[in-house]
Amino acid sequence: MKNLQQMQQMLKQVQQFQEQLQKQLDELEVQGSAGGGMVTVKMNGQKHLSEVHIEAEIFASRDLEMLQDLILVAVNDATRKVDEQLASQMGNLAGGFNLPGLT
């Protein structure tokens, strides 16, 4: 009987952990940039782009390859920042996660 209660408590904690993590994913927004801010992107915790900004000066050079590279770098920068934020938040949430029998 005690094991069943522990299992129910553990499942409840897992569900709360999952809900907190999902809420943080929904609220997370990071910005990535490249070329000294010539290209910036915003990305949410689901790693979906919500905004792309390209300075008009880039078009004056007509360097398509450079523009493509800057967009790639900005997106990768934002992705790295999301990963860092998620790792930090997971650590913070998991720190309060108490599994009976494992501590």
C-alpha atoms as a PDB file:
ATOM      1  CA  MET A   1       0.000   0.000   0.000  1.00  0.00           C
ATOM      2  CA  LYS A   2       2.821   2.373   0.855  1.00  0.00           C
ATOM      3  CA  ASN A   3       4.451   1.741  -2.547  1.00  0.00           C
ATOM      4  CA  LEU A   4       1.190   2.610  -4.308  1.00  0.00           C
ATOM      5  CA  GLN A   5       0.964   5.908  -2.412  1.00  0.00           C
ATOM      6  CA  GLN A   6       4.587   6.680  -3.250  1.00  0.00           C
ATOM      7  CA  MET A   7       3.928   5.892  -6.911  1.00  0.00           C
ATOM      8  CA  GLN A   8       0.877   8.180  -6.957  1.00  0.00           C
ATOM      9  CA  GLN A   9       2.878  10.967  -5.312  1.00  0.00           C
ATOM     10  CA  MET A  10       5.680  10.486  -7.818  1.00  0.00           C
ATOM     11  CA  LEU A  11       3.251  10.621 -10.758  1.00  0.00           C
ATOM     12  CA  LYS A  12       1.728  13.799  -9.349  1.00  0.00           C
ATOM     13  CA  GLN A  13       5.182  15.386  -9.101  1.00  0.00           C
ATOM     14  CA  VAL A  14       6.040  14.339 -12.647  1.00  0.00           C
ATOM     15  CA  GLN A  15       2.799  15.875 -13.907  1.00  0.00           C
ATOM     16  CA  GLN A  16       3.478  19.133 -12.037  1.00  0.00           C
ATOM     17  CA  PHE A  17       7.030  19.187 -13.388  1.00  0.00           C
ATOM     18  CA  GLN A  18       5.725  18.687 -16.929  1.00  0.00           C
ATOM     19  CA  GLU A  19       3.142  21.458 -16.531  1.00  0.00           C
ATOM     20  CA  GLN A  20       5.732  23.898 -15.179  1.00  0.00           C
ATOM     21  CA  LEU A  21       8.141  23.084 -17.986  1.00  0.00           C
ATOM     22  CA  GLN A  22       5.431  23.543 -20.640  1.00  0.00           C
ATOM     23  CA  LYS A  23       4.484  26.907 -19.145  1.00  0.00           C
ATOM     24  CA  GLN A  24       8.098  28.031 -19.234  1.00  0.00           C
ATOM     25  CA  LEU A  25       8.466  26.856 -22.837  1.00  0.00           C
ATOM     26  CA  ASP A  26       5.392  28.858 -23.796  1.00  0.00           C
ATOM     27  CA  GLU A  27       6.726  32.012 -22.101  1.00  0.00           C
ATOM     28  CA  LEU A  28      10.347  31.749 -23.234  1.00  0.00           C
ATOM     29  CA  GLU A  29      11.529  34.101 -25.963  1.00  0.00           C
ATOM     30  CA  VAL A  30      15.129  34.656 -26.982  1.00  0.00           C
ATOM     31  CA  GLN A  31      16.839  36.816 -29.575  1.00  0.00           C
ATOM     32  CA  GLY A  32      19.684  35.714 -31.792  1.00  0.00           C
ATOM     33  CA  SER A  33      21.764  38.029 -33.927  1.00  0.00           C
ATOM     34  CA  ALA A  34      24.560  38.158 -36.460  1.00  0.00           C
ATOM     35  CA  GLY A  35      26.656  40.775 -38.189  1.00  0.00           C
ATOM     36  CA  GLY A  36      26.604  43.129 -35.217  1.00  0.00           C
ATOM     37  CA  GLY A  37      22.816  43.161 -35.182  1.00  0.00           C
ATOM     38  CA  MET A  38      22.386  43.435 -38.944  1.00  0.00           C
ATOM     39  CA  VAL A  39      20.197  40.334 -38.751  1.00  0.00           C
ATOM     40  CA  THR A  40      18.160  39.512 -35.650  1.00  0.00           C
ATOM     41  CA  VAL A  41      15.638  36.766 -35.016  1.00  0.00           C
ATOM     42  CA  LYS A  42      13.290  35.988 -32.147  1.00  0.00           C
ATOM     43  CA  MET A  43      12.557  32.399 -31.210  1.00  0.00           C
ATOM     44  CA  ASN A  44      10.258  30.838 -28.629  1.00  0.00           C
ATOM     45  CA  GLY A  45      10.879  27.872 -26.346  1.00  0.00           C
ATOM     46  CA  GLN A  46       9.499  25.520 -28.977  1.00  0.00           C
ATOM     47  CA  LYS A  47      12.276  26.754 -31.305  1.00  0.00           C
ATOM     48  CA  HIS A  48       9.824  28.415 -33.648  1.00  0.00           C
ATOM     49  CA  LEU A  49      10.865  31.729 -35.178  1.00  0.00           C
ATOM     50  CA  SER A  50       8.475  34.534 -34.316  1.00  0.00           C
ATOM     51  CA  GLU A  51      10.340  37.425 -35.910  1.00  0.00           C
ATOM     52  CA  VAL A  52      13.127  38.101 -38.420  1.00  0.00           C
ATOM     53  CA  HIS A  53      14.639  41.551 -38.823  1.00  0.00           C
ATOM     54  CA  ILE A  54      17.145  42.418 -41.554  1.00  0.00           C
ATOM     55  CA  GLU A  55      18.713  45.868 -41.726  1.00  0.00           C
ATOM     56  CA  ALA A  56      18.188  47.566 -45.086  1.00  0.00           C
ATOM     57  CA  GLU A  57      21.934  48.235 -45.428  1.00  0.00           C
ATOM     58  CA  ILE A  58      22.513  44.566 -46.171  1.00  0.00           C
ATOM     59  CA  PHE A  59      20.549  44.840 -49.399  1.00  0.00           C
ATOM     60  CA  ALA A  60      22.758  47.657 -50.686  1.00  0.00           C
ATOM     61  CA  SER A  61      25.655  45.237 -51.101  1.00  0.00           C
ATOM     62  CA  ARG A  62      23.469  42.757 -53.005  1.00  0.00           C
ATOM     63  CA  ASP A  63      25.530  39.987 -51.408  1.00  0.00           C
ATOM     64  CA  LEU A  64      22.986  37.174 -51.237  1.00  0.00           C
ATOM     65  CA  GLU A  65      25.500  34.686 -49.854  1.00  0.00           C
ATOM     66  CA  MET A  66      26.394  37.003 -46.967  1.00  0.00           C
ATOM     67  CA  LEU A  67      22.709  37.526 -46.147  1.00  0.00           C
ATOM     68  CA  GLN A  68      22.100  33.783 -46.110  1.00  0.00           C
ATOM     69  CA  ASP A  69      25.098  33.276 -43.819  1.00  0.00           C
ATOM     70  CA  LEU A  70      23.935  36.007 -41.432  1.00  0.00           C
ATOM     71  CA  ILE A  71      20.440  34.515 -41.200  1.00  0.00           C
ATOM     72  CA  LEU A  72      21.918  31.091 -40.519  1.00  0.00           C
ATOM     73  CA  VAL A  73      24.194  32.450 -37.778  1.00  0.00           C
ATOM     74  CA  ALA A  74      21.343  34.409 -36.154  1.00  0.00           C
ATOM     75  CA  VAL A  75      19.034  31.371 -36.108  1.00  0.00           C
ATOM     76  CA  ASN A  76      21.782  29.150 -34.696  1.00  0.00           C
ATOM     77  CA  ASP A  77      22.518  31.787 -32.046  1.00  0.00           C
ATOM     78  CA  ALA A  78      18.863  31.868 -30.988  1.00  0.00           C
ATOM     79  CA  THR A  79      18.681  28.053 -30.943  1.00  0.00           C
ATOM     80  CA  ARG A  80      21.744  27.896 -28.688  1.00  0.00           C
ATOM     81  CA  LYS A  81      20.185  30.453 -26.338  1.00  0.00           C
ATOM     82  CA  VAL A  82      16.930  28.457 -26.146  1.00  0.00           C
ATOM     83  CA  ASP A  83      18.920  25.310 -25.307  1.00  0.00           C
ATOM     84  CA  GLU A  84      20.846  27.167 -22.587  1.00  0.00           C
ATOM     85  CA  GLN A  85      17.672  28.609 -21.079  1.00  0.00           C
ATOM     86  CA  LEU A  86      15.920  25.243 -21.130  1.00  0.00           C
ATOM     87  CA  ALA A  87      18.870  23.489 -19.502  1.00  0.00           C
ATOM     88  CA  SER A  88      18.933  26.124 -16.776  1.00  0.00           C
ATOM     89  CA  GLN A  89      15.179  25.965 -16.202  1.00  0.00           C
ATOM     90  CA  MET A  90      15.179  22.159 -16.209  1.00  0.00           C
ATOM     91  CA  GLY A  91      17.896  22.223 -13.555  1.00  0.00           C
ATOM     92  CA  ASN A  92      15.919  24.687 -11.455  1.00  0.00           C
ATOM     93  CA  LEU A  93      12.716  22.677 -11.740  1.00  0.00           C
ATOM     94  CA  ALA A  94      14.427  19.337 -11.190  1.00  0.00           C
ATOM     95  CA  GLY A  95      16.084  20.698  -8.068  1.00  0.00           C
ATOM     96  CA  GLY A  96      12.679  20.777  -6.399  1.00  0.00           C
ATOM     97  CA  PHE A  97      11.740  17.363  -7.722  1.00  0.00           C
ATOM     98  CA  ASN A  98      11.647  14.875  -4.852  1.00  0.00           C
ATOM     99  CA  LEU A  99      11.239  11.207  -5.730  1.00  0.00           C
ATOM    100  CA  PRO A 100      10.672   8.968  -2.701  1.00  0.00           C
ATOM    101  CA  GLY A 101      13.344   6.304  -2.420  1.00  0.00           C
ATOM    102  CA  LEU A 102      15.766   8.142  -4.717  1.00  0.00           C
ATOM    103  CA  THR A 103      16.920  10.801  -2.275  1.00  0.00           C
END
